[in-house]
Amino acid sequence: MAPLAPTASILVTWLVLTLAVIAGAYVLPGVRVTGFVAALVTALVLGIINALVRPALLVLTLPINALTLGLFTFVINALLIMLAAVIVPGFEVDSFWSALLFSIVLAIIIAVLAYIF
């Protein structure tokens, strides 16, 4: 199969993340997405946050991340998901623990969908 053009690759990644957000919200009771458009916007915002904010947070929390053998990254992911929930109307997360579980479920779903696509 021929590699995708950069624009098509970005769109496929965005769609895969959108499907992962919908599936994660369906599986977990503490996470809600009101519709497909809200899931698209959530995927976009999560992508932007992960590209811009996450690297800086990982560098700033490197000592505690090293002490916890990388487990603190899950906390960072949960906090970034809660930030996305504040930014995006139609995407709600009830608690920190729901965001933490959502980040784990999201990672698993994205890994499976990336393997398929």
Protein backbone atom coordinates (compact mmCIF):
# COMPACT_ATOMS: atom_id res chain seq x y z
CA MET A 1 0.00 0.00 0.00
CA ALA A 2 1.35 3.43 -0.94
CA PRO A 3 2.05 5.88 1.88
CA LEU A 4 -0.51 8.61 2.43
CA ALA A 5 0.14 12.23 1.63
CA PRO A 6 0.88 14.33 4.72
CA THR A 7 -2.56 15.96 4.68
CA ALA A 8 -4.34 12.63 4.32
CA SER A 9 -2.22 11.17 7.11
CA ILE A 10 -3.22 14.00 9.45
CA LEU A 11 -6.89 13.53 8.57
CA VAL A 12 -6.72 9.76 9.14
CA THR A 13 -5.01 10.32 12.50
CA TRP A 14 -7.67 12.87 13.45
CA LEU A 15 -10.44 10.45 12.48
CA VAL A 16 -8.81 7.60 14.44
CA LEU A 17 -8.53 9.82 17.53
CA THR A 18 -12.16 10.88 17.06
CA LEU A 19 -13.29 7.25 16.93
CA ALA A 20 -11.20 6.54 20.02
CA VAL A 21 -12.84 9.44 21.89
CA ILE A 22 -16.31 8.17 20.95
CA ALA A 23 -15.47 4.59 21.94
CA GLY A 24 -13.86 5.67 25.21
CA ALA A 25 -16.85 7.81 26.11
CA TYR A 26 -19.13 4.87 25.31
CA VAL A 27 -17.16 2.47 27.53
CA LEU A 28 -16.65 4.73 30.57
CA PRO A 29 -19.61 6.08 32.55
CA GLY A 30 -17.73 9.19 33.79
CA VAL A 31 -16.99 10.56 30.31
CA ARG A 32 -19.60 11.99 27.96
CA VAL A 33 -19.47 13.30 24.39
CA THR A 34 -22.69 14.88 23.12
CA GLY A 35 -22.16 14.14 19.43
CA PHE A 36 -19.82 13.49 16.55
CA VAL A 37 -18.92 17.16 16.13
CA ALA A 38 -18.01 17.41 19.82
CA ALA A 39 -15.84 14.29 19.40
CA LEU A 40 -14.12 15.85 16.36
CA VAL A 41 -13.41 19.06 18.27
CA THR A 42 -12.24 17.05 21.30
CA ALA A 43 -9.84 15.07 19.12
CA LEU A 44 -8.52 18.29 17.60
CA VAL A 45 -8.05 19.98 20.97
CA LEU A 46 -6.39 16.88 22.46
CA GLY A 47 -4.04 16.76 19.48
CA ILE A 48 -3.10 20.42 19.88
CA ILE A 49 -2.67 20.08 23.65
CA ASN A 50 -0.53 16.95 23.22
CA ALA A 51 1.62 18.72 20.63
CA LEU A 52 2.11 22.00 22.50
CA VAL A 53 1.56 21.58 26.25
CA ARG A 54 2.46 17.95 26.96
CA PRO A 55 6.16 18.14 25.98
CA ALA A 56 6.74 21.12 28.27
CA LEU A 57 4.95 19.38 31.16
CA LEU A 58 6.97 16.21 30.64
CA VAL A 59 10.22 18.17 30.81
CA LEU A 60 9.11 20.09 33.91
CA THR A 61 8.03 16.92 35.71
CA LEU A 62 11.02 14.84 34.65
CA PRO A 63 12.36 14.32 38.21
CA ILE A 64 9.05 13.01 39.59
CA ASN A 65 8.52 11.03 36.39
CA ALA A 66 11.89 9.36 36.90
CA LEU A 67 11.08 8.61 40.55
CA THR A 68 7.77 6.99 39.61
CA LEU A 69 9.30 5.12 36.66
CA GLY A 70 7.10 6.98 34.18
CA LEU A 71 3.80 6.41 35.94
CA PHE A 72 3.38 10.13 36.56
CA THR A 73 2.83 10.46 32.80
CA PHE A 74 -0.63 8.97 33.36
CA VAL A 75 -1.37 11.82 35.79
CA ILE A 76 -0.23 14.36 33.20
CA ASN A 77 -2.43 12.72 30.55
CA ALA A 78 -5.43 12.80 32.89
CA LEU A 79 -4.88 16.49 33.66
CA LEU A 80 -4.63 17.29 29.94
CA ILE A 81 -7.89 15.44 29.29
CA MET A 82 -9.52 17.46 32.06
CA LEU A 83 -8.16 20.62 30.39
CA ALA A 84 -9.70 19.53 27.09
CA ALA A 85 -13.01 18.96 28.89
CA VAL A 86 -12.91 22.55 30.13
CA ILE A 87 -12.16 23.90 26.66
CA VAL A 88 -14.55 21.80 24.54
CA PRO A 89 -18.30 22.21 24.98
CA GLY A 90 -20.01 18.85 24.66
CA PHE A 91 -17.12 16.89 26.20
CA GLU A 92 -17.47 16.23 29.93
CA VAL A 93 -15.32 14.34 32.40
CA ASP A 94 -16.73 13.78 35.90
CA SER A 95 -13.54 13.35 37.92
CA PHE A 96 -9.80 12.92 37.84
CA TRP A 97 -10.19 9.14 38.06
CA SER A 98 -12.54 9.13 35.08
CA ALA A 99 -9.97 11.16 33.14
CA LEU A 100 -7.21 8.75 34.19
CA LEU A 101 -9.21 5.71 33.06
CA PHE A 102 -10.18 7.54 29.86
CA SER A 103 -6.53 8.23 29.07
CA ILE A 104 -5.68 4.54 29.49
CA VAL A 105 -8.66 3.40 27.42
CA LEU A 106 -7.84 6.03 24.79
CA ALA A 107 -4.25 4.78 24.53
CA ILE A 108 -5.40 1.18 24.11
CA ILE A 109 -8.03 2.06 21.49
CA ILE A 110 -5.61 4.25 19.55
CA ALA A 111 -3.00 1.47 19.55
CA VAL A 112 -5.54 -1.04 18.21
CA LEU A 113 -6.90 1.38 15.57
CA ALA A 114 -3.38 2.41 14.52
CA TYR A 115 -2.55 -1.26 14.03
CA ILE A 116 -5.64 -1.72 11.87
CA PHE A 117 -5.22 1.46 9.83
